[in-house]
Amino acid sequence: MNKILMIAVVGLLLVGSVSAYGCIYKNDNEAVKDFKMKLNSISLQQDVNNGLSEEAIIIKLKYFGPCK
């Protein structure tokens, strides 16, 4: 039972990191901001194409988004 739980936790972490969103900071230069915005757009599009609901994306941002 413990092995199944461990596999499930690792699987969720891998799924959560597949299309992570990057933080855009004020001190990033314009090229870095543009790059991060493009990556975030691709990640969001990937999440929508994979069938994640709006609620699932919000939860993902809440728990996997380290931006502060």
N, C-alpha and C. Protein backbone atom coordinates (compact mmCIF):
# COMPACT_ATOMS: atom_id res chain seq x y z
N MET A 1 0.82 -1.19 0.00
CA MET A 1 0.00 0.00 0.00
C MET A 1 0.86 1.26 0.00
N ASN A 2 1.98 1.24 0.75
CA ASN A 2 2.87 2.40 0.81
C ASN A 2 3.51 2.68 -0.54
N LYS A 3 3.83 1.63 -1.30
CA LYS A 3 4.43 1.82 -2.62
C LYS A 3 3.45 2.51 -3.56
N ILE A 4 2.20 2.12 -3.49
CA ILE A 4 1.18 2.72 -4.36
C ILE A 4 1.01 4.20 -4.01
N LEU A 5 0.99 4.50 -2.73
CA LEU A 5 0.86 5.89 -2.29
C LEU A 5 2.05 6.71 -2.75
N MET A 6 3.25 6.18 -2.62
CA MET A 6 4.46 6.88 -3.04
C MET A 6 4.45 7.11 -4.55
N ILE A 7 4.05 6.12 -5.32
CA ILE A 7 3.96 6.27 -6.77
C ILE A 7 2.94 7.33 -7.13
N ALA A 8 1.81 7.37 -6.44
CA ALA A 8 0.79 8.36 -6.71
C ALA A 8 1.29 9.77 -6.42
N VAL A 9 1.99 9.94 -5.30
CA VAL A 9 2.51 11.27 -4.94
C VAL A 9 3.55 11.73 -5.96
N VAL A 10 4.47 10.85 -6.32
CA VAL A 10 5.48 11.20 -7.31
C VAL A 10 4.83 11.50 -8.65
N GLY A 11 3.84 10.73 -9.03
CA GLY A 11 3.12 10.97 -10.28
C GLY A 11 2.44 12.32 -10.30
N LEU A 12 1.80 12.70 -9.20
CA LEU A 12 1.16 14.02 -9.12
C LEU A 12 2.18 15.14 -9.22
N LEU A 13 3.32 14.96 -8.59
CA LEU A 13 4.37 15.97 -8.69
C LEU A 13 4.88 16.11 -10.11
N LEU A 14 5.04 14.99 -10.79
CA LEU A 14 5.49 15.04 -12.18
C LEU A 14 4.46 15.70 -13.09
N VAL A 15 3.20 15.36 -12.89
CA VAL A 15 2.13 15.96 -13.70
C VAL A 15 2.05 17.45 -13.42
N GLY A 16 2.20 17.82 -12.16
CA GLY A 16 2.13 19.23 -11.80
C GLY A 16 3.28 20.04 -12.36
N SER A 17 4.41 19.41 -12.61
CA SER A 17 5.57 20.15 -13.11
C SER A 17 5.71 20.09 -14.62
N VAL A 18 4.85 19.36 -15.29
CA VAL A 18 4.96 19.23 -16.74
C VAL A 18 4.81 20.58 -17.43
N SER A 19 3.82 21.32 -17.04
CA SER A 19 3.63 22.63 -17.65
C SER A 19 3.51 23.67 -16.54
N ALA A 20 4.62 23.93 -15.92
CA ALA A 20 4.64 24.89 -14.82
C ALA A 20 4.65 26.31 -15.38
N TYR A 21 4.15 27.21 -14.59
CA TYR A 21 4.13 28.61 -14.98
C TYR A 21 5.30 29.32 -14.32
N GLY A 22 5.99 30.18 -15.07
CA GLY A 22 7.13 30.91 -14.55
C GLY A 22 6.73 32.24 -13.99
N CYS A 23 7.44 32.65 -12.98
CA CYS A 23 7.19 33.95 -12.35
C CYS A 23 7.83 35.06 -13.17
N ILE A 24 7.12 36.13 -13.37
CA ILE A 24 7.66 37.29 -14.05
C ILE A 24 7.86 38.37 -12.99
N TYR A 25 9.12 38.76 -12.83
CA TYR A 25 9.47 39.72 -11.80
C TYR A 25 9.72 41.10 -12.40
N LYS A 26 9.55 42.13 -11.61
CA LYS A 26 9.75 43.51 -12.07
C LYS A 26 11.18 43.75 -12.52
N ASN A 27 12.15 43.10 -11.87
CA ASN A 27 13.55 43.35 -12.22
C ASN A 27 14.04 42.50 -13.39
N ASP A 28 13.20 41.66 -13.97
CA ASP A 28 13.57 40.93 -15.19
C ASP A 28 13.66 41.92 -16.35
N ASN A 29 14.65 41.70 -17.22
CA ASN A 29 14.71 42.58 -18.39
C ASN A 29 13.61 42.19 -19.38
N GLU A 30 13.39 43.01 -20.37
CA GLU A 30 12.26 42.81 -21.29
C GLU A 30 12.33 41.49 -22.05
N ALA A 31 13.52 41.06 -22.44
CA ALA A 31 13.65 39.79 -23.17
C ALA A 31 13.25 38.62 -22.28
N VAL A 32 13.64 38.65 -21.02
CA VAL A 32 13.29 37.58 -20.09
C VAL A 32 11.78 37.59 -19.83
N LYS A 33 11.21 38.77 -19.64
CA LYS A 33 9.76 38.87 -19.43
C LYS A 33 9.00 38.31 -20.63
N ASP A 34 9.45 38.66 -21.83
CA ASP A 34 8.80 38.17 -23.05
C ASP A 34 8.91 36.65 -23.15
N PHE A 35 10.09 36.11 -22.85
CA PHE A 35 10.30 34.67 -22.88
C PHE A 35 9.39 33.95 -21.88
N LYS A 36 9.32 34.47 -20.66
CA LYS A 36 8.48 33.86 -19.63
C LYS A 36 7.00 33.95 -19.99
N MET A 37 6.59 35.07 -20.60
CA MET A 37 5.18 35.20 -21.01
C MET A 37 4.84 34.18 -22.09
N LYS A 38 5.76 33.96 -23.02
CA LYS A 38 5.53 32.96 -24.07
C LYS A 38 5.44 31.56 -23.47
N LEU A 39 6.35 31.23 -22.54
CA LEU A 39 6.30 29.92 -21.89
C LEU A 39 5.00 29.73 -21.11
N ASN A 40 4.57 30.77 -20.42
CA ASN A 40 3.32 30.69 -19.67
C ASN A 40 2.13 30.50 -20.60
N SER A 41 2.15 31.17 -21.74
CA SER A 41 1.07 31.01 -22.72
C SER A 41 1.02 29.58 -23.26
N ILE A 42 2.20 29.04 -23.56
CA ILE A 42 2.26 27.66 -24.06
C ILE A 42 1.80 26.69 -22.98
N SER A 43 2.21 26.92 -21.73
CA SER A 43 1.80 26.04 -20.64
C SER A 43 0.29 26.08 -20.43
N LEU A 44 -0.27 27.28 -20.48
CA LEU A 44 -1.72 27.42 -20.32
C LEU A 44 -2.46 26.73 -21.46
N GLN A 45 -1.97 26.92 -22.68
CA GLN A 45 -2.59 26.26 -23.84
C GLN A 45 -2.50 24.74 -23.70
N GLN A 46 -1.37 24.24 -23.22
CA GLN A 46 -1.19 22.80 -23.01
C GLN A 46 -2.17 22.29 -21.96
N ASP A 47 -2.35 23.05 -20.87
CA ASP A 47 -3.30 22.64 -19.83
C ASP A 47 -4.72 22.59 -20.37
N VAL A 48 -5.10 23.57 -21.16
CA VAL A 48 -6.45 23.60 -21.74
C VAL A 48 -6.63 22.44 -22.72
N ASN A 49 -5.62 22.20 -23.55
CA ASN A 49 -5.69 21.10 -24.52
C ASN A 49 -5.74 19.74 -23.84
N ASN A 50 -5.14 19.64 -22.65
CA ASN A 50 -5.16 18.38 -21.91
C ASN A 50 -6.44 18.21 -21.11
N GLY A 51 -7.34 19.16 -21.21
CA GLY A 51 -8.65 19.02 -20.58
C GLY A 51 -8.74 19.51 -19.15
N LEU A 52 -7.76 20.27 -18.69
CA LEU A 52 -7.86 20.80 -17.33
C LEU A 52 -8.94 21.88 -17.28
N SER A 53 -9.74 21.82 -16.27
CA SER A 53 -10.79 22.83 -16.11
C SER A 53 -10.18 24.10 -15.54
N GLU A 54 -10.98 25.16 -15.56
CA GLU A 54 -10.53 26.43 -15.00
C GLU A 54 -10.19 26.27 -13.51
N GLU A 55 -11.02 25.51 -12.81
CA GLU A 55 -10.80 25.28 -11.38
C GLU A 55 -9.49 24.53 -11.15
N ALA A 56 -9.19 23.54 -11.99
CA ALA A 56 -7.95 22.78 -11.86
C ALA A 56 -6.73 23.66 -12.10
N ILE A 57 -6.83 24.57 -13.06
CA ILE A 57 -5.72 25.48 -13.34
C ILE A 57 -5.50 26.43 -12.16
N ILE A 58 -6.58 26.91 -11.57
CA ILE A 58 -6.47 27.80 -10.41
C ILE A 58 -5.83 27.06 -9.24
N ILE A 59 -6.23 25.81 -9.02
CA ILE A 59 -5.64 25.01 -7.94
C ILE A 59 -4.16 24.78 -8.23
N LYS A 60 -3.83 24.50 -9.47
CA LYS A 60 -2.43 24.29 -9.85
C LYS A 60 -1.61 25.53 -9.57
N LEU A 61 -2.12 26.69 -9.91
CA LEU A 61 -1.42 27.93 -9.64
C LEU A 61 -1.26 28.18 -8.14
N LYS A 62 -2.27 27.80 -7.39
CA LYS A 62 -2.25 28.02 -5.95
C LYS A 62 -1.17 27.18 -5.27
N TYR A 63 -1.08 25.91 -5.65
CA TYR A 63 -0.18 25.00 -4.94
C TYR A 63 1.18 24.82 -5.61
N PHE A 64 1.28 25.05 -6.90
CA PHE A 64 2.54 24.86 -7.60
C PHE A 64 3.15 26.17 -8.06
N GLY A 65 2.50 27.27 -7.81
CA GLY A 65 3.01 28.58 -8.22
C GLY A 65 3.79 29.24 -7.09
N PRO A 66 5.12 29.25 -7.19
CA PRO A 66 5.92 29.81 -6.11
C PRO A 66 6.04 31.34 -6.15
N CYS A 67 5.35 31.99 -7.04
CA CYS A 67 5.46 33.45 -7.14
C CYS A 67 4.91 34.13 -5.90
N LYS A 68 5.66 35.11 -5.44
CA LYS A 68 5.19 35.89 -4.28
C LYS A 68 5.54 37.33 -4.45
